[in-house]
Amino acid sequence: MTGNDHERAIDLIIRNGIDETTAADAAWLDSHLAQCSECAEYAEVFERTGQLLRSVAVTASPALVSTTQARVQARATQLREHHARVVLIAVSFCIGVLSSTASAWLWWRFGGWVAGRLSLSASLVAPGILFFWLVPAVVIAILMLAFPHPVFDMVPTLSPAREQKGEKR
């Protein structure tokens, strides 16, 4: 027998009762256990260990239960806030697209009017409109990168709960 047969037998013994095994695998394992005393002993010890573990009652302490409940509640709150933020970002994006489109159209009309009044070519007006349309967003992005605000480091609704437990920002 090869080491590969033993590895396959051990894998099938471990998966027995957890994963579905094919009839061919079960038949092969039975014939292998009949021939290999080492794998048969491993299967017997594995089964006895499983029975022993199933016979012991495991109970959680009240401290563990309350800690787990608090963490689950905190995680649920965090997920609700994340969902609310995603919705807020989506709504903000839609409003931004609409206002940008409206302002671009207004700037385009204003630029056409200025170009007509000053007899400027459209090739000068279009880049100017694009520049003035993008400048506020670029300036705000640079300011946000230059001066990060610590408010976004913590989840706001969890901060009072953390401060009650003694954690500080």
N, C-alpha and C. Protein backbone atom coordinates (compact mmCIF):
# COMPACT_ATOMS: atom_id res chain seq x y z
N MET A 1 0.84 -1.18 0.00
CA MET A 1 0.00 0.00 0.00
C MET A 1 0.87 1.24 0.00
N THR A 2 0.39 2.22 -0.64
CA THR A 2 1.16 3.45 -0.72
C THR A 2 0.69 4.41 0.36
N GLY A 3 1.51 5.43 0.60
CA GLY A 3 1.13 6.48 1.54
C GLY A 3 -0.08 7.25 1.06
N ASN A 4 -0.26 7.27 -0.25
CA ASN A 4 -1.40 7.95 -0.83
C ASN A 4 -2.71 7.26 -0.43
N ASP A 5 -2.68 5.90 -0.34
CA ASP A 5 -3.86 5.16 0.08
C ASP A 5 -4.22 5.51 1.52
N HIS A 6 -3.20 5.62 2.37
CA HIS A 6 -3.44 5.96 3.78
C HIS A 6 -4.01 7.38 3.90
N GLU A 7 -3.47 8.30 3.11
CA GLU A 7 -3.98 9.68 3.14
C GLU A 7 -5.43 9.72 2.67
N ARG A 8 -5.74 8.94 1.65
CA ARG A 8 -7.12 8.91 1.15
C ARG A 8 -8.05 8.31 2.20
N ALA A 9 -7.59 7.25 2.86
CA ALA A 9 -8.41 6.61 3.89
C ALA A 9 -8.65 7.57 5.05
N ILE A 10 -7.63 8.27 5.50
CA ILE A 10 -7.78 9.22 6.60
C ILE A 10 -8.73 10.34 6.19
N ASP A 11 -8.61 10.81 4.97
CA ASP A 11 -9.51 11.86 4.48
C ASP A 11 -10.96 11.36 4.48
N LEU A 12 -11.19 10.14 4.02
CA LEU A 12 -12.55 9.59 4.00
C LEU A 12 -13.08 9.35 5.42
N ILE A 13 -12.22 8.92 6.33
CA ILE A 13 -12.64 8.72 7.73
C ILE A 13 -13.06 10.05 8.35
N ILE A 14 -12.29 11.08 8.10
CA ILE A 14 -12.61 12.40 8.66
C ILE A 14 -13.90 12.94 8.06
N ARG A 15 -14.09 12.75 6.75
CA ARG A 15 -15.28 13.28 6.08
C ARG A 15 -16.53 12.45 6.34
N ASN A 16 -16.38 11.24 6.86
CA ASN A 16 -17.52 10.35 7.09
C ASN A 16 -18.47 10.99 8.10
N GLY A 17 -19.73 11.12 7.72
CA GLY A 17 -20.73 11.71 8.59
C GLY A 17 -20.86 13.21 8.42
N ILE A 18 -19.90 13.83 7.77
CA ILE A 18 -19.95 15.28 7.55
C ILE A 18 -20.31 15.56 6.10
N ASP A 19 -19.54 14.99 5.20
CA ASP A 19 -19.77 15.16 3.77
C ASP A 19 -20.35 13.86 3.20
N GLU A 20 -21.07 14.00 2.13
CA GLU A 20 -21.57 12.83 1.43
C GLU A 20 -20.40 12.14 0.73
N THR A 21 -20.29 10.83 0.93
CA THR A 21 -19.27 10.08 0.21
C THR A 21 -19.99 9.15 -0.76
N THR A 22 -19.33 8.90 -1.86
CA THR A 22 -19.95 8.04 -2.87
C THR A 22 -19.90 6.59 -2.40
N ALA A 23 -20.70 5.77 -3.02
CA ALA A 23 -20.72 4.34 -2.67
C ALA A 23 -19.38 3.70 -2.99
N ALA A 24 -18.75 4.17 -4.06
CA ALA A 24 -17.44 3.61 -4.43
C ALA A 24 -16.39 3.97 -3.38
N ASP A 25 -16.43 5.21 -2.86
CA ASP A 25 -15.49 5.60 -1.82
C ASP A 25 -15.73 4.82 -0.54
N ALA A 26 -16.99 4.62 -0.18
CA ALA A 26 -17.31 3.86 1.04
C ALA A 26 -16.85 2.41 0.90
N ALA A 27 -17.07 1.81 -0.26
CA ALA A 27 -16.63 0.43 -0.49
C ALA A 27 -15.11 0.34 -0.45
N TRP A 28 -14.44 1.32 -1.06
CA TRP A 28 -12.97 1.31 -1.04
C TRP A 28 -12.46 1.45 0.40
N LEU A 29 -13.08 2.34 1.19
CA LEU A 29 -12.65 2.54 2.58
C LEU A 29 -12.87 1.27 3.40
N ASP A 30 -14.00 0.59 3.22
CA ASP A 30 -14.25 -0.65 3.95
C ASP A 30 -13.21 -1.71 3.62
N SER A 31 -12.89 -1.85 2.34
CA SER A 31 -11.89 -2.85 1.96
C SER A 31 -10.50 -2.44 2.45
N HIS A 32 -10.19 -1.14 2.47
CA HIS A 32 -8.89 -0.68 2.95
C HIS A 32 -8.77 -0.91 4.46
N LEU A 33 -9.86 -0.62 5.22
CA LEU A 33 -9.82 -0.82 6.67
C LEU A 33 -9.71 -2.30 7.02
N ALA A 34 -10.27 -3.19 6.18
CA ALA A 34 -10.14 -4.63 6.41
C ALA A 34 -8.71 -5.10 6.21
N GLN A 35 -7.95 -4.44 5.35
CA GLN A 35 -6.58 -4.85 5.05
C GLN A 35 -5.54 -4.12 5.89
N CYS A 36 -5.83 -2.87 6.30
CA CYS A 36 -4.83 -2.02 6.96
C CYS A 36 -5.20 -1.84 8.43
N SER A 37 -4.44 -2.44 9.32
CA SER A 37 -4.75 -2.34 10.74
C SER A 37 -4.48 -0.94 11.28
N GLU A 38 -3.50 -0.26 10.70
CA GLU A 38 -3.18 1.11 11.16
C GLU A 38 -4.34 2.06 10.88
N CYS A 39 -4.90 2.02 9.70
CA CYS A 39 -6.04 2.88 9.36
C CYS A 39 -7.29 2.46 10.13
N ALA A 40 -7.48 1.13 10.34
CA ALA A 40 -8.64 0.65 11.09
C ALA A 40 -8.56 1.15 12.53
N GLU A 41 -7.36 1.14 13.12
CA GLU A 41 -7.20 1.65 14.48
C GLU A 41 -7.46 3.16 14.51
N TYR A 42 -6.99 3.87 13.49
CA TYR A 42 -7.23 5.32 13.42
C TYR A 42 -8.74 5.59 13.35
N ALA A 43 -9.46 4.82 12.55
CA ALA A 43 -10.91 5.02 12.41
C ALA A 43 -11.62 4.75 13.73
N GLU A 44 -11.18 3.70 14.45
CA GLU A 44 -11.80 3.38 15.73
C GLU A 44 -11.53 4.48 16.77
N VAL A 45 -10.29 4.95 16.85
CA VAL A 45 -9.94 6.02 17.80
C VAL A 45 -10.68 7.31 17.42
N PHE A 46 -10.77 7.58 16.15
CA PHE A 46 -11.48 8.78 15.69
C PHE A 46 -12.94 8.72 16.10
N GLU A 47 -13.58 7.56 15.93
CA GLU A 47 -14.99 7.41 16.28
C GLU A 47 -15.18 7.52 17.80
N ARG A 48 -14.30 6.90 18.59
CA ARG A 48 -14.41 6.99 20.05
C ARG A 48 -14.21 8.42 20.54
N THR A 49 -13.29 9.14 19.92
CA THR A 49 -13.06 10.54 20.30
C THR A 49 -14.29 11.38 20.00
N GLY A 50 -14.91 11.15 18.85
CA GLY A 50 -16.14 11.86 18.50
C GLY A 50 -17.25 11.58 19.49
N GLN A 51 -17.40 10.30 19.89
CA GLN A 51 -18.43 9.94 20.86
C GLN A 51 -18.15 10.61 22.21
N LEU A 52 -16.89 10.63 22.61
CA LEU A 52 -16.53 11.26 23.88
C LEU A 52 -16.83 12.76 23.85
N LEU A 53 -16.49 13.42 22.76
CA LEU A 53 -16.77 14.85 22.65
C LEU A 53 -18.27 15.13 22.63
N ARG A 54 -19.05 14.26 22.00
CA ARG A 54 -20.49 14.46 21.96
C ARG A 54 -21.15 14.18 23.31
N SER A 55 -20.50 13.40 24.17
CA SER A 55 -21.09 13.06 25.46
C SER A 55 -20.88 14.14 26.51
N VAL A 56 -19.94 15.05 26.29
CA VAL A 56 -19.66 16.11 27.25
C VAL A 56 -20.55 17.32 26.93
N ALA A 57 -21.26 17.79 27.96
CA ALA A 57 -22.11 18.97 27.79
C ALA A 57 -21.24 20.22 27.92
N VAL A 58 -21.40 21.11 26.98
CA VAL A 58 -20.64 22.35 27.00
C VAL A 58 -21.63 23.49 27.24
N THR A 59 -21.39 24.24 28.30
CA THR A 59 -22.24 25.39 28.58
C THR A 59 -21.38 26.64 28.63
N ALA A 60 -21.95 27.71 28.17
CA ALA A 60 -21.24 28.98 28.17
C ALA A 60 -21.52 29.72 29.47
N SER A 61 -20.52 30.41 29.95
CA SER A 61 -20.69 31.20 31.17
C SER A 61 -21.57 32.42 30.87
N PRO A 62 -22.22 32.95 31.90
CA PRO A 62 -23.04 34.15 31.67
C PRO A 62 -22.23 35.32 31.13
N ALA A 63 -20.98 35.44 31.54
CA ALA A 63 -20.14 36.52 31.03
C ALA A 63 -19.89 36.36 29.53
N LEU A 64 -19.65 35.12 29.11
CA LEU A 64 -19.44 34.87 27.68
C LEU A 64 -20.70 35.16 26.89
N VAL A 65 -21.84 34.76 27.41
CA VAL A 65 -23.11 34.99 26.72
C VAL A 65 -23.37 36.49 26.59
N SER A 66 -23.20 37.25 27.69
CA SER A 66 -23.47 38.69 27.61
C SER A 66 -22.47 39.40 26.72
N THR A 67 -21.22 38.99 26.75
CA THR A 67 -20.21 39.59 25.87
C THR A 67 -20.54 39.30 24.41
N THR A 68 -20.93 38.07 24.13
CA THR A 68 -21.28 37.71 22.75
C THR A 68 -22.51 38.48 22.29
N GLN A 69 -23.52 38.61 23.14
CA GLN A 69 -24.71 39.38 22.78
C GLN A 69 -24.35 40.84 22.51
N ALA A 70 -23.49 41.41 23.34
CA ALA A 70 -23.10 42.81 23.14
C ALA A 70 -22.35 42.98 21.83
N ARG A 71 -21.48 42.03 21.50
CA ARG A 71 -20.74 42.13 20.24
C ARG A 71 -21.65 41.94 19.03
N VAL A 72 -22.61 41.04 19.16
CA VAL A 72 -23.55 40.84 18.05
C VAL A 72 -24.40 42.09 17.85
N GLN A 73 -24.86 42.70 18.94
CA GLN A 73 -25.64 43.93 18.83
C GLN A 73 -24.79 45.05 18.24
N ALA A 74 -23.54 45.16 18.68
CA ALA A 74 -22.66 46.20 18.13
C ALA A 74 -22.42 45.98 16.64
N ARG A 75 -22.24 44.73 16.24
CA ARG A 75 -22.02 44.43 14.82
C ARG A 75 -23.28 44.72 14.01
N ALA A 76 -24.45 44.40 14.57
CA ALA A 76 -25.71 44.69 13.87
C ALA A 76 -25.88 46.20 13.70
N THR A 77 -25.55 46.95 14.73
CA THR A 77 -25.63 48.41 14.64
C THR A 77 -24.65 48.92 13.59
N GLN A 78 -23.45 48.37 13.58
CA GLN A 78 -22.45 48.78 12.61
C GLN A 78 -22.93 48.47 11.18
N LEU A 79 -23.54 47.32 10.97
CA LEU A 79 -24.05 46.98 9.63
C LEU A 79 -25.20 47.87 9.21
N ARG A 80 -26.09 48.23 10.16
CA ARG A 80 -27.18 49.16 9.84
C ARG A 80 -26.62 50.52 9.45
N GLU A 81 -25.62 50.99 10.20
CA GLU A 81 -25.02 52.28 9.87
C GLU A 81 -24.31 52.24 8.53
N HIS A 82 -23.65 51.13 8.24
CA HIS A 82 -22.98 50.99 6.94
C HIS A 82 -24.01 51.04 5.82
N HIS A 83 -25.13 50.35 6.01
CA HIS A 83 -26.18 50.37 5.00
C HIS A 83 -26.73 51.78 4.82
N ALA A 84 -26.94 52.48 5.95
CA ALA A 84 -27.46 53.85 5.87
C ALA A 84 -26.46 54.75 5.14
N ARG A 85 -25.18 54.55 5.40
CA ARG A 85 -24.16 55.35 4.71
C ARG A 85 -24.13 55.07 3.22
N VAL A 86 -24.29 53.80 2.85
CA VAL A 86 -24.29 53.45 1.43
C VAL A 86 -25.48 54.12 0.74
N VAL A 87 -26.64 54.08 1.39
CA VAL A 87 -27.82 54.74 0.82
C VAL A 87 -27.57 56.24 0.71
N LEU A 88 -27.00 56.83 1.75
CA LEU A 88 -26.71 58.26 1.74
C LEU A 88 -25.72 58.62 0.62
N ILE A 89 -24.72 57.80 0.44
CA ILE A 89 -23.74 58.05 -0.62
C ILE A 89 -24.41 57.93 -1.98
N ALA A 90 -25.28 56.94 -2.17
CA ALA A 90 -25.97 56.77 -3.45
C ALA A 90 -26.87 57.97 -3.74
N VAL A 91 -27.62 58.41 -2.73
CA VAL A 91 -28.49 59.58 -2.92
C VAL A 91 -27.64 60.82 -3.21
N SER A 92 -26.55 60.98 -2.46
CA SER A 92 -25.66 62.12 -2.68
C SER A 92 -25.08 62.10 -4.09
N PHE A 93 -24.71 60.92 -4.56
CA PHE A 93 -24.17 60.80 -5.90
C PHE A 93 -25.20 61.22 -6.94
N CYS A 94 -26.43 60.74 -6.77
CA CYS A 94 -27.49 61.11 -7.73
C CYS A 94 -27.76 62.60 -7.72
N ILE A 95 -27.81 63.19 -6.53
CA ILE A 95 -28.02 64.64 -6.44
C ILE A 95 -26.84 65.38 -7.07
N GLY A 96 -25.64 64.88 -6.83
CA GLY A 96 -24.45 65.49 -7.42
C GLY A 96 -24.47 65.44 -8.94
N VAL A 97 -24.88 64.30 -9.49
CA VAL A 97 -24.94 64.17 -10.94
C VAL A 97 -25.98 65.14 -11.52
N LEU A 98 -27.13 65.20 -10.87
CA LEU A 98 -28.18 66.10 -11.37
C LEU A 98 -27.76 67.56 -11.27
N SER A 99 -27.19 67.96 -10.12
CA SER A 99 -26.78 69.36 -9.99
C SER A 99 -25.61 69.68 -10.90
N SER A 100 -24.70 68.74 -11.10
CA SER A 100 -23.58 68.97 -12.02
C SER A 100 -24.08 69.13 -13.45
N THR A 101 -25.02 68.31 -13.82
CA THR A 101 -25.57 68.41 -15.17
C THR A 101 -26.28 69.75 -15.38
N ALA A 102 -27.07 70.12 -14.37
CA ALA A 102 -27.79 71.40 -14.48
C ALA A 102 -26.81 72.57 -14.51
N SER A 103 -25.81 72.52 -13.63
CA SER A 103 -24.86 73.64 -13.61
C SER A 103 -24.00 73.66 -14.87
N ALA A 104 -23.67 72.50 -15.40
CA ALA A 104 -22.89 72.47 -16.65
C ALA A 104 -23.70 73.08 -17.79
N TRP A 105 -24.98 72.75 -17.84
CA TRP A 105 -25.82 73.34 -18.88
C TRP A 105 -25.92 74.85 -18.72
N LEU A 106 -26.10 75.30 -17.44
CA LEU A 106 -26.18 76.75 -17.20
C LEU A 106 -24.86 77.44 -17.54
N TRP A 107 -23.74 76.85 -17.14
CA TRP A 107 -22.44 77.44 -17.47
C TRP A 107 -22.22 77.46 -18.98
N TRP A 108 -22.65 76.40 -19.65
CA TRP A 108 -22.49 76.35 -21.09
C TRP A 108 -23.30 77.48 -21.75
N ARG A 109 -24.52 77.67 -21.29
CA ARG A 109 -25.33 78.76 -21.83
C ARG A 109 -24.70 80.12 -21.51
N PHE A 110 -24.25 80.28 -20.25
CA PHE A 110 -23.62 81.53 -19.86
C PHE A 110 -22.33 81.77 -20.65
N GLY A 111 -21.56 80.70 -20.83
CA GLY A 111 -20.33 80.82 -21.61
C GLY A 111 -20.60 81.19 -23.05
N GLY A 112 -21.66 80.63 -23.62
CA GLY A 112 -22.04 80.99 -24.99
C GLY A 112 -22.46 82.45 -25.07
N TRP A 113 -23.18 82.91 -24.05
CA TRP A 113 -23.60 84.31 -24.03
C TRP A 113 -22.39 85.23 -23.91
N VAL A 114 -21.42 84.86 -22.99
CA VAL A 114 -20.21 85.68 -22.83
C VAL A 114 -19.39 85.65 -24.11
N ALA A 115 -19.26 84.49 -24.72
CA ALA A 115 -18.48 84.39 -25.96
C ALA A 115 -19.11 85.24 -27.06
N GLY A 116 -20.44 85.26 -27.14
CA GLY A 116 -21.12 86.08 -28.13
C GLY A 116 -20.93 87.57 -27.86
N ARG A 117 -20.97 87.96 -26.59
CA ARG A 117 -20.80 89.37 -26.23
C ARG A 117 -19.38 89.85 -26.48
N LEU A 118 -18.39 88.98 -26.17
CA LEU A 118 -16.99 89.39 -26.30
C LEU A 118 -16.36 88.92 -27.60
N SER A 119 -17.11 88.33 -28.45
CA SER A 119 -16.65 87.82 -29.75
C SER A 119 -15.48 86.85 -29.58
N LEU A 120 -15.63 85.90 -28.61
CA LEU A 120 -14.62 84.86 -28.39
C LEU A 120 -15.02 83.60 -29.14
N SER A 121 -14.01 82.81 -29.48
CA SER A 121 -14.31 81.56 -30.18
C SER A 121 -14.77 80.50 -29.17
N ALA A 122 -15.54 79.55 -29.63
CA ALA A 122 -16.05 78.49 -28.77
C ALA A 122 -14.93 77.61 -28.25
N SER A 123 -13.80 77.54 -28.95
CA SER A 123 -12.67 76.72 -28.50
C SER A 123 -12.04 77.29 -27.23
N LEU A 124 -12.23 78.57 -26.95
CA LEU A 124 -11.76 79.16 -25.70
C LEU A 124 -12.78 79.00 -24.58
N VAL A 125 -14.03 79.03 -24.92
CA VAL A 125 -15.09 79.00 -23.91
C VAL A 125 -15.26 77.59 -23.32
N ALA A 126 -15.25 76.57 -24.15
CA ALA A 126 -15.50 75.20 -23.67
C ALA A 126 -14.48 74.76 -22.62
N PRO A 127 -13.15 74.92 -22.82
CA PRO A 127 -12.21 74.53 -21.76
C PRO A 127 -12.38 75.38 -20.50
N GLY A 128 -12.72 76.65 -20.67
CA GLY A 128 -12.94 77.50 -19.51
C GLY A 128 -14.12 77.04 -18.68
N ILE A 129 -15.19 76.66 -19.35
CA ILE A 129 -16.37 76.16 -18.64
C ILE A 129 -16.02 74.85 -17.91
N LEU A 130 -15.33 73.96 -18.60
CA LEU A 130 -14.91 72.70 -17.98
C LEU A 130 -14.02 72.96 -16.78
N PHE A 131 -13.09 73.90 -16.90
CA PHE A 131 -12.18 74.23 -15.80
C PHE A 131 -12.97 74.74 -14.60
N PHE A 132 -13.85 75.70 -14.79
CA PHE A 132 -14.61 76.25 -13.68
C PHE A 132 -15.66 75.28 -13.13
N TRP A 133 -16.04 74.32 -13.93
CA TRP A 133 -16.97 73.31 -13.46
C TRP A 133 -16.27 72.31 -12.55
N LEU A 134 -15.00 71.98 -12.85
CA LEU A 134 -14.26 70.99 -12.08
C LEU A 134 -13.48 71.56 -10.90
N VAL A 135 -13.15 72.84 -10.93
CA VAL A 135 -12.31 73.44 -9.89
C VAL A 135 -12.88 73.24 -8.48
N PRO A 136 -14.15 73.49 -8.22
CA PRO A 136 -14.63 73.31 -6.84
C PRO A 136 -14.46 71.87 -6.33
N ALA A 137 -14.74 70.89 -7.15
CA ALA A 137 -14.59 69.50 -6.73
C ALA A 137 -13.13 69.17 -6.45
N VAL A 138 -12.23 69.65 -7.29
CA VAL A 138 -10.80 69.39 -7.10
C VAL A 138 -10.30 70.07 -5.83
N VAL A 139 -10.71 71.30 -5.60
CA VAL A 139 -10.28 72.02 -4.40
C VAL A 139 -10.79 71.32 -3.14
N ILE A 140 -12.04 70.90 -3.14
CA ILE A 140 -12.60 70.20 -1.97
C ILE A 140 -11.88 68.87 -1.75
N ALA A 141 -11.59 68.15 -2.80
CA ALA A 141 -10.87 66.88 -2.66
C ALA A 141 -9.48 67.10 -2.08
N ILE A 142 -8.77 68.14 -2.55
CA ILE A 142 -7.43 68.44 -2.02
C ILE A 142 -7.52 68.83 -0.56
N LEU A 143 -8.50 69.64 -0.20
CA LEU A 143 -8.66 70.03 1.21
C LEU A 143 -8.98 68.83 2.09
N MET A 144 -9.82 67.92 1.60
CA MET A 144 -10.15 66.73 2.39
C MET A 144 -8.94 65.83 2.57
N LEU A 145 -8.08 65.75 1.57
CA LEU A 145 -6.87 64.95 1.71
C LEU A 145 -5.84 65.63 2.61
N ALA A 146 -5.77 66.95 2.53
CA ALA A 146 -4.78 67.68 3.32
C ALA A 146 -5.16 67.75 4.79
N PHE A 147 -6.46 67.84 5.09
CA PHE A 147 -6.92 67.99 6.46
C PHE A 147 -7.96 66.92 6.78
N PRO A 148 -7.52 65.66 6.99
CA PRO A 148 -8.50 64.61 7.29
C PRO A 148 -9.16 64.88 8.63
N HIS A 149 -10.44 64.62 8.69
CA HIS A 149 -11.21 64.90 9.89
C HIS A 149 -11.38 63.62 10.71
N PRO A 150 -11.11 63.65 12.02
CA PRO A 150 -11.18 62.42 12.82
C PRO A 150 -12.59 61.91 13.06
N VAL A 151 -13.61 62.63 12.67
CA VAL A 151 -14.98 62.18 12.89
C VAL A 151 -15.24 60.88 12.14
N PHE A 152 -14.61 60.69 11.01
CA PHE A 152 -14.86 59.52 10.20
C PHE A 152 -14.09 58.30 10.68
N ASP A 153 -13.25 58.45 11.72
CA ASP A 153 -12.47 57.33 12.23
C ASP A 153 -13.31 56.37 13.07
N MET A 154 -14.39 56.86 13.69
CA MET A 154 -15.22 56.02 14.54
C MET A 154 -16.66 56.06 14.08
N VAL A 155 -17.38 55.00 14.37
CA VAL A 155 -18.79 54.97 14.06
C VAL A 155 -19.49 55.87 15.08
N PRO A 156 -20.20 56.90 14.65
CA PRO A 156 -20.74 57.89 15.57
C PRO A 156 -21.71 57.34 16.61
N THR A 157 -22.59 56.43 16.24
CA THR A 157 -23.57 55.98 17.22
C THR A 157 -23.00 54.99 18.22
N LEU A 158 -21.86 54.42 17.92
CA LEU A 158 -21.24 53.51 18.88
C LEU A 158 -20.34 54.27 19.86
N SER A 159 -19.98 55.51 19.57
CA SER A 159 -19.07 56.24 20.44
C SER A 159 -19.62 56.43 21.85
N PRO A 160 -20.90 56.78 22.05
CA PRO A 160 -21.39 56.92 23.43
C PRO A 160 -21.31 55.60 24.19
N ALA A 161 -21.59 54.47 23.52
CA ALA A 161 -21.52 53.17 24.20
C ALA A 161 -20.08 52.87 24.60
N ARG A 162 -19.12 53.20 23.74
CA ARG A 162 -17.71 52.97 24.07
C ARG A 162 -17.25 53.87 25.20
N GLU A 163 -17.72 55.11 25.20
CA GLU A 163 -17.31 56.03 26.25
C GLU A 163 -17.90 55.62 27.59
N GLN A 164 -19.08 54.99 27.60
CA GLN A 164 -19.66 54.51 28.85
C GLN A 164 -18.83 53.36 29.41
N LYS A 165 -18.25 52.55 28.54
CA LYS A 165 -17.42 51.45 28.99
C LYS A 165 -16.01 51.88 29.36
N GLY A 166 -15.69 53.16 29.17
CA GLY A 166 -14.36 53.64 29.55
C GLY A 166 -13.42 53.84 28.39
N GLU A 167 -13.83 53.50 27.18
CA GLU A 167 -12.97 53.72 26.02
C GLU A 167 -13.07 55.16 25.59
N LYS A 168 -11.96 55.75 25.27
CA LYS A 168 -11.93 57.14 24.79
C LYS A 168 -11.46 57.16 23.35
N ARG A 169 -11.74 58.26 22.69
CA ARG A 169 -11.32 58.42 21.29
C ARG A 169 -9.84 58.57 21.19
